[in-house]
Amino acid sequence: MKIINLHLKIYFLLFICLLKVGAAFSQTKKPTLMILPSDNWCNQRYFMETYEDQGTKKKTPNYKQAFQEDTELAQVIAKIGELMIKKGYELKDVEQSLKNLDLTNAEESLTRSSNSNSQITETSLDKLKKRVKADIVIQLWWEVNNVNGGYVIRYTLDAFDSYTNKRVASSTGNSESSNKFVPDLILGAVKNNMNLFLSQIQNHFDNMQSNGREIVVKVQTWDNVNINLETEFDNKELSEHIIQWMKKNTVKGNFNTTDATTNFMLFEQVKVPLLNEKNEQLDAREFVNNLRKYLKSSPFNITCKLVTRGLGEATIIIGEK
């Protein structure tokens, strides 16, 4: 009888452990997603706008125009988004965010280079990322081909880390020949490869949770101040103090000092926590703003200007605002 009771206790403990493991898996944090038409799709349908970047004309997708004028885009994204939501992912409402984006377009940066008087430029995608703050941007391309008996859809889904713009997942395929509505054809084709696509995204996000999110940090000096990165404070050059701060505030001290001169430092593959102390998403601006506050304190007492490009790159300019 005692042996039976012992076996029952063991089975009960195993059962509890399995429940806890299952609960842990079910509570796995998932990244937030944002679905947009790809650059190629926008270019093929002439949903592009031109802007000037330091004298060079460049083209960028006009997402607002695409959503307003293309009759299928919103429906296709809604269909694919619904599938991802069912898998437990949070999907950002891009179309609604675009409607409010005009409000931020008026807040153009007045920052000018002290050498060339040029402005820092931002694409519409950079502005959208800063407003929506999704972990992953998914770009969708599709093409409709007429065949005997209906249509065949070719599609490509590419997922990019919204901070680094690095591709983290990809899926491509074709639909079966059919006379169905285009969004339904795309959904049918995407479903076949969705599990693998989302698992690639999740693996990337899980790695970020363990090892930090990657950003780029730049340190520069204005040319009209008497401070540079070789100026000494407490018997150490300013550059050494900054490197020490980076070691303390990055995840596991992970970053690369790619370049370092008297007036410039470039830190790449800087791994920062996903969340700040308030459990809010931490971006490059907030991380580097903490460095700005550090340099403003004693013994440095240095005034600095902070400028950003998108979510994943921030520059601190030493000497004045």
Protein backbone atom coordinates (compact mmCIF):
# COMPACT_ATOMS: atom_id res chain seq x y z
CA MET A 1 0.00 0.00 0.00
CA LYS A 2 2.86 2.36 0.86
CA ILE A 3 4.48 1.65 -2.52
CA ILE A 4 1.22 2.48 -4.32
CA ASN A 5 0.90 5.75 -2.39
CA LEU A 6 4.51 6.62 -3.23
CA HIS A 7 3.87 5.99 -6.92
CA LEU A 8 0.76 8.16 -6.77
CA LYS A 9 2.75 11.00 -5.20
CA ILE A 10 5.43 10.72 -7.88
CA TYR A 11 2.83 10.77 -10.67
CA PHE A 12 1.14 13.76 -9.04
CA LEU A 13 4.43 15.68 -8.82
CA LEU A 14 5.23 14.87 -12.44
CA PHE A 15 1.78 16.06 -13.45
CA ILE A 16 2.28 19.38 -11.62
CA CYS A 17 5.68 19.84 -13.28
CA LEU A 18 4.20 19.23 -16.71
CA LEU A 19 1.48 21.79 -16.01
CA LYS A 20 4.09 24.36 -15.01
CA VAL A 21 6.16 23.68 -18.12
CA GLY A 22 3.08 23.96 -20.30
CA ALA A 23 2.13 27.23 -18.65
CA ALA A 24 5.62 28.60 -19.19
CA PHE A 25 5.46 27.78 -22.90
CA SER A 26 2.00 29.28 -23.22
CA GLN A 27 3.23 32.50 -21.60
CA THR A 28 6.25 32.86 -23.89
CA LYS A 29 6.47 36.52 -24.84
CA LYS A 30 5.91 37.13 -28.51
CA PRO A 31 7.16 40.08 -30.57
CA THR A 32 4.84 42.80 -31.86
CA LEU A 33 4.48 42.80 -35.64
CA MET A 34 3.78 45.41 -38.30
CA ILE A 35 2.83 44.44 -41.88
CA LEU A 36 3.63 46.78 -44.77
CA PRO A 37 3.76 46.47 -48.56
CA SER A 38 7.31 45.90 -49.77
CA ASP A 39 9.37 48.60 -51.52
CA ASN A 40 9.18 46.58 -54.75
CA TRP A 41 5.38 46.30 -54.54
CA CYS A 42 5.04 50.06 -53.97
CA ASN A 43 7.44 50.84 -56.81
CA GLN A 44 5.58 48.58 -59.25
CA ARG A 45 2.33 50.43 -58.45
CA TYR A 46 3.93 53.91 -58.38
CA PHE A 47 3.30 54.47 -54.68
CA MET A 48 6.63 56.21 -54.15
CA GLU A 49 7.79 59.66 -53.10
CA THR A 50 11.13 61.37 -53.65
CA TYR A 51 13.17 63.12 -50.96
CA GLU A 52 16.61 64.68 -50.87
CA ASP A 53 19.32 63.28 -48.62
CA GLN A 54 22.38 65.55 -48.52
CA GLY A 55 22.02 66.49 -52.18
CA THR A 56 21.09 63.02 -53.43
CA LYS A 57 17.53 62.27 -54.54
CA LYS A 58 16.13 59.06 -53.11
CA LYS A 59 12.79 57.26 -53.35
CA THR A 60 10.80 55.83 -50.47
CA PRO A 61 7.39 54.11 -50.36
CA ASN A 62 4.35 56.32 -49.87
CA TYR A 63 2.37 54.02 -47.57
CA LYS A 64 -0.42 56.51 -47.01
CA GLN A 65 -1.12 56.74 -50.73
CA ALA A 66 -0.93 52.95 -51.10
CA PHE A 67 -3.56 52.34 -48.42
CA GLN A 68 -5.80 55.09 -49.80
CA GLU A 69 -5.67 54.09 -53.47
CA ASP A 70 -5.12 50.33 -53.62
CA THR A 71 -8.39 48.45 -53.11
CA GLU A 72 -6.78 45.15 -52.07
CA LEU A 73 -3.89 46.17 -49.80
CA ALA A 74 -5.79 46.70 -46.54
CA GLN A 75 -7.80 43.50 -47.08
CA VAL A 76 -4.70 41.40 -47.80
CA ILE A 77 -2.91 42.71 -44.70
CA ALA A 78 -6.04 42.16 -42.60
CA LYS A 79 -6.29 38.54 -43.77
CA ILE A 80 -2.64 37.74 -43.02
CA GLY A 81 -2.77 39.73 -39.78
CA GLU A 82 -5.78 37.76 -38.58
CA LEU A 83 -3.82 34.55 -39.10
CA MET A 84 -0.90 35.88 -37.04
CA ILE A 85 -3.18 37.12 -34.27
CA LYS A 86 -4.66 33.62 -34.00
CA LYS A 87 -1.10 32.38 -33.44
CA GLY A 88 -0.81 34.73 -30.45
CA TYR A 89 1.07 37.66 -32.00
CA GLU A 90 0.20 41.31 -31.46
CA LEU A 91 -0.32 43.19 -34.72
CA LYS A 92 0.07 46.96 -34.87
CA ASP A 93 -2.61 48.90 -36.77
CA VAL A 94 -0.47 50.50 -39.47
CA GLU A 95 -3.28 52.09 -41.46
CA GLN A 96 -4.58 53.94 -38.40
CA SER A 97 -1.06 55.03 -37.46
CA LEU A 98 -0.53 56.40 -40.96
CA LYS A 99 -3.60 58.58 -40.58
CA ASN A 100 -2.00 60.23 -37.57
CA LEU A 101 1.51 60.41 -39.01
CA ASP A 102 0.91 63.80 -40.62
CA LEU A 103 0.88 65.30 -37.14
CA THR A 104 4.48 64.28 -36.56
CA ASN A 105 5.65 65.37 -40.01
CA ALA A 106 5.34 68.95 -38.77
CA GLU A 107 7.91 68.20 -36.06
CA GLU A 108 10.89 68.31 -38.39
CA SER A 109 14.28 68.27 -36.76
CA LEU A 110 16.10 71.63 -36.75
CA THR A 111 19.45 69.95 -36.14
CA ARG A 112 22.16 71.16 -38.50
CA SER A 113 25.70 69.96 -39.05
CA SER A 114 28.23 72.48 -37.78
CA ASN A 115 30.38 71.77 -40.84
CA SER A 116 28.01 71.51 -43.82
CA ASN A 117 24.78 72.95 -42.33
CA SER A 118 22.99 69.83 -43.61
CA GLN A 119 19.94 68.34 -41.93
CA ILE A 120 19.39 64.83 -40.61
CA THR A 121 16.81 63.13 -42.83
CA GLU A 122 14.24 60.50 -41.99
CA THR A 123 12.25 58.33 -44.35
CA SER A 124 8.54 57.76 -43.89
CA LEU A 125 9.36 54.25 -42.68
CA ASP A 126 11.68 55.62 -39.97
CA LYS A 127 8.92 57.96 -38.81
CA LEU A 128 6.37 55.15 -38.85
CA LYS A 129 8.64 52.86 -36.82
CA LYS A 130 9.07 55.53 -34.17
CA ARG A 131 5.31 55.98 -33.89
CA VAL A 132 4.29 52.31 -33.98
CA LYS A 133 7.35 50.75 -32.27
CA ALA A 134 6.88 47.18 -33.48
CA ASP A 135 9.63 44.64 -32.85
CA ILE A 136 9.41 43.19 -36.36
CA VAL A 137 8.44 44.81 -39.67
CA ILE A 138 7.00 42.35 -42.20
CA GLN A 139 7.11 43.44 -45.82
CA LEU A 140 4.66 41.81 -48.23
CA TRP A 141 4.94 41.50 -52.01
CA TRP A 142 2.51 39.74 -54.30
CA GLU A 143 1.79 39.43 -58.00
CA VAL A 144 -1.37 38.26 -59.76
CA ASN A 145 -0.91 36.05 -62.82
CA ASN A 146 -3.71 35.13 -65.22
CA VAL A 147 -3.84 31.43 -66.09
CA ASN A 148 -6.39 29.10 -67.62
CA GLY A 149 -9.22 28.73 -65.15
CA GLY A 150 -8.41 31.74 -62.96
CA TYR A 151 -5.47 33.36 -61.19
CA VAL A 152 -2.25 32.25 -59.56
CA ILE A 153 -0.74 34.45 -56.85
CA ARG A 154 2.99 34.63 -56.19
CA TYR A 155 3.93 36.12 -52.83
CA THR A 156 6.94 36.91 -50.65
CA LEU A 157 6.99 37.76 -46.94
CA ASP A 158 10.19 39.20 -45.49
CA ALA A 159 10.55 39.99 -41.78
CA PHE A 160 13.05 42.62 -40.63
CA ASP A 161 14.23 43.63 -37.19
CA SER A 162 12.79 47.15 -36.94
CA TYR A 163 15.89 48.41 -35.09
CA THR A 164 18.63 47.04 -37.36
CA ASN A 165 16.73 46.43 -40.63
CA LYS A 166 18.31 42.97 -40.75
CA ARG A 167 16.22 40.22 -42.36
CA VAL A 168 15.23 37.64 -39.74
CA ALA A 169 12.69 35.49 -41.63
CA SER A 170 11.47 34.91 -45.17
CA SER A 171 8.69 32.99 -46.89
CA THR A 172 7.72 32.69 -50.54
CA GLY A 173 5.25 30.60 -52.48
CA ASN A 174 2.40 30.34 -54.97
CA SER A 175 -1.33 29.87 -54.64
CA GLU A 176 -3.31 27.26 -56.52
CA SER A 177 -5.11 28.32 -59.69
CA SER A 178 -8.52 29.68 -58.71
CA ASN A 179 -11.14 32.35 -59.31
CA LYS A 180 -11.25 33.23 -55.62
CA PHE A 181 -10.86 36.76 -54.30
CA VAL A 182 -7.16 37.83 -54.36
CA PRO A 183 -6.83 38.27 -50.56
CA ASP A 184 -8.23 34.75 -50.05
CA LEU A 185 -5.78 33.32 -52.58
CA ILE A 186 -2.84 35.00 -50.84
CA LEU A 187 -4.04 33.79 -47.44
CA GLY A 188 -4.31 30.22 -48.72
CA ALA A 189 -0.77 30.35 -50.09
CA VAL A 190 0.70 31.97 -46.97
CA LYS A 191 -0.92 29.46 -44.59
CA ASN A 192 1.22 26.62 -45.93
CA ASN A 193 4.46 28.26 -44.79
CA MET A 194 3.25 30.37 -41.86
CA ASN A 195 4.42 28.10 -39.02
CA LEU A 196 8.03 28.05 -40.27
CA PHE A 197 7.97 31.80 -40.95
CA LEU A 198 6.70 32.65 -37.46
CA SER A 199 9.11 30.23 -35.81
CA GLN A 200 12.02 32.06 -37.47
CA ILE A 201 10.69 35.35 -36.13
CA GLN A 202 10.19 33.88 -32.65
CA ASN A 203 13.72 32.44 -32.58
CA HIS A 204 15.13 35.88 -33.36
CA PHE A 205 12.99 37.51 -30.66
CA ASP A 206 13.90 34.85 -28.07
CA ASN A 207 17.56 35.52 -28.81
CA MET A 208 16.99 39.25 -28.25
CA GLN A 209 15.36 38.57 -24.89
CA SER A 210 18.42 36.60 -23.79
CA ASN A 211 21.19 38.65 -25.39
CA GLY A 212 19.68 42.11 -25.91
CA ARG A 213 18.42 44.18 -28.80
CA GLU A 214 20.98 45.51 -31.26
CA ILE A 215 21.43 49.25 -31.85
CA VAL A 216 24.09 51.66 -33.16
CA VAL A 217 25.54 54.48 -31.04
CA LYS A 218 27.63 57.38 -32.36
CA VAL A 219 29.53 60.00 -30.38
CA GLN A 220 30.64 63.22 -32.08
CA THR A 221 31.89 66.68 -31.08
CA TRP A 222 30.90 70.10 -32.36
CA ASP A 223 33.79 71.88 -34.11
CA ASN A 224 33.39 75.10 -32.13
CA VAL A 225 33.97 73.72 -28.61
CA ASN A 226 37.20 73.07 -26.70
CA ILE A 227 36.25 69.55 -25.60
CA ASN A 228 37.01 66.36 -27.49
CA LEU A 229 37.19 62.64 -26.75
CA GLU A 230 40.81 62.92 -25.59
CA THR A 231 40.00 65.53 -22.93
CA GLU A 232 40.85 64.06 -19.51
CA PHE A 233 38.59 63.79 -16.46
CA ASP A 234 39.91 62.10 -13.28
CA ASN A 235 43.05 61.03 -15.14
CA LYS A 236 41.09 59.24 -17.88
CA GLU A 237 40.22 60.36 -21.37
CA LEU A 238 36.56 61.04 -22.05
CA SER A 239 36.51 58.16 -24.53
CA GLU A 240 37.57 55.75 -21.76
CA HIS A 241 34.75 56.96 -19.49
CA ILE A 242 32.23 56.43 -22.30
CA ILE A 243 33.50 52.90 -22.96
CA GLN A 244 33.21 52.10 -19.25
CA TRP A 245 29.62 53.37 -19.24
CA MET A 246 28.82 51.19 -22.26
CA LYS A 247 30.24 48.13 -20.53
CA LYS A 248 28.03 48.72 -17.47
CA ASN A 249 24.81 49.45 -19.34
CA THR A 250 24.81 46.96 -22.23
CA VAL A 251 23.55 43.39 -21.91
CA LYS A 252 26.49 41.21 -20.84
CA GLY A 253 28.80 44.08 -21.87
CA ASN A 254 28.26 43.31 -25.54
CA PHE A 255 29.20 46.01 -28.08
CA ASN A 256 31.88 46.68 -30.69
CA THR A 257 33.96 49.85 -30.81
CA THR A 258 34.13 50.05 -34.60
CA ASP A 259 35.85 53.42 -34.85
CA ALA A 260 37.44 55.86 -32.41
CA THR A 261 39.22 59.15 -33.15
CA THR A 262 39.74 62.43 -31.35
CA ASN A 263 36.26 63.66 -32.32
CA PHE A 264 34.28 60.56 -33.24
CA MET A 265 33.35 57.14 -31.85
CA LEU A 266 31.19 54.49 -33.47
CA PHE A 267 29.71 51.63 -31.46
CA GLU A 268 28.00 48.86 -33.43
CA GLN A 269 26.22 45.67 -32.37
CA VAL A 270 25.38 47.41 -29.11
CA LYS A 271 23.13 45.02 -27.17
CA VAL A 272 20.59 46.80 -24.97
CA PRO A 273 17.70 45.40 -22.89
CA LEU A 274 14.33 45.08 -24.62
CA LEU A 275 12.59 46.90 -21.77
CA ASN A 276 13.48 49.74 -19.43
CA GLU A 277 12.86 49.89 -15.67
CA LYS A 278 9.21 50.86 -16.30
CA ASN A 279 8.72 47.71 -18.40
CA GLU A 280 8.43 49.87 -21.53
CA GLN A 281 10.16 49.21 -24.83
CA LEU A 282 13.71 50.62 -24.78
CA ASP A 283 14.91 52.22 -28.02
CA ALA A 284 18.23 53.79 -29.04
CA ARG A 285 17.07 57.28 -28.12
CA GLU A 286 16.28 56.40 -24.50
CA PHE A 287 19.47 54.36 -24.10
CA VAL A 288 21.72 57.14 -25.41
CA ASN A 289 19.78 59.77 -23.48
CA ASN A 290 20.97 57.99 -20.34
CA LEU A 291 24.53 58.46 -21.62
CA ARG A 292 23.77 62.16 -22.18
CA LYS A 293 22.62 62.48 -18.55
CA TYR A 294 25.77 60.70 -17.40
CA LEU A 295 27.99 63.19 -19.26
CA LYS A 296 25.96 66.09 -17.89
CA SER A 297 26.78 65.00 -14.32
CA SER A 298 30.01 65.53 -12.37
CA PRO A 299 32.93 65.40 -13.08
CA PHE A 300 32.15 66.03 -16.76
CA ASN A 301 29.39 68.66 -16.65
CA ILE A 302 29.19 68.46 -20.45
CA THR A 303 26.16 69.65 -22.41
CA CYS A 304 25.30 67.30 -25.28
CA LYS A 305 22.77 67.14 -28.10
CA LEU A 306 20.92 63.91 -28.90
CA VAL A 307 19.70 63.08 -32.40
CA THR A 308 18.23 59.84 -33.70
CA ARG A 309 17.61 57.98 -36.94
CA GLY A 310 14.77 55.51 -36.66
CA LEU A 311 14.53 53.30 -33.58
CA GLY A 312 17.96 51.73 -33.70
CA GLU A 313 20.49 54.52 -34.17
CA ALA A 314 21.29 57.46 -31.94
CA THR A 315 24.04 60.08 -32.02
CA ILE A 316 25.24 62.20 -29.12
CA ILE A 317 27.07 65.43 -30.05
CA ILE A 318 29.35 66.75 -27.33
CA GLY A 319 29.76 70.38 -26.35
CA GLU A 320 26.43 72.14 -26.80
CA LYS A 321 22.83 71.71 -27.94
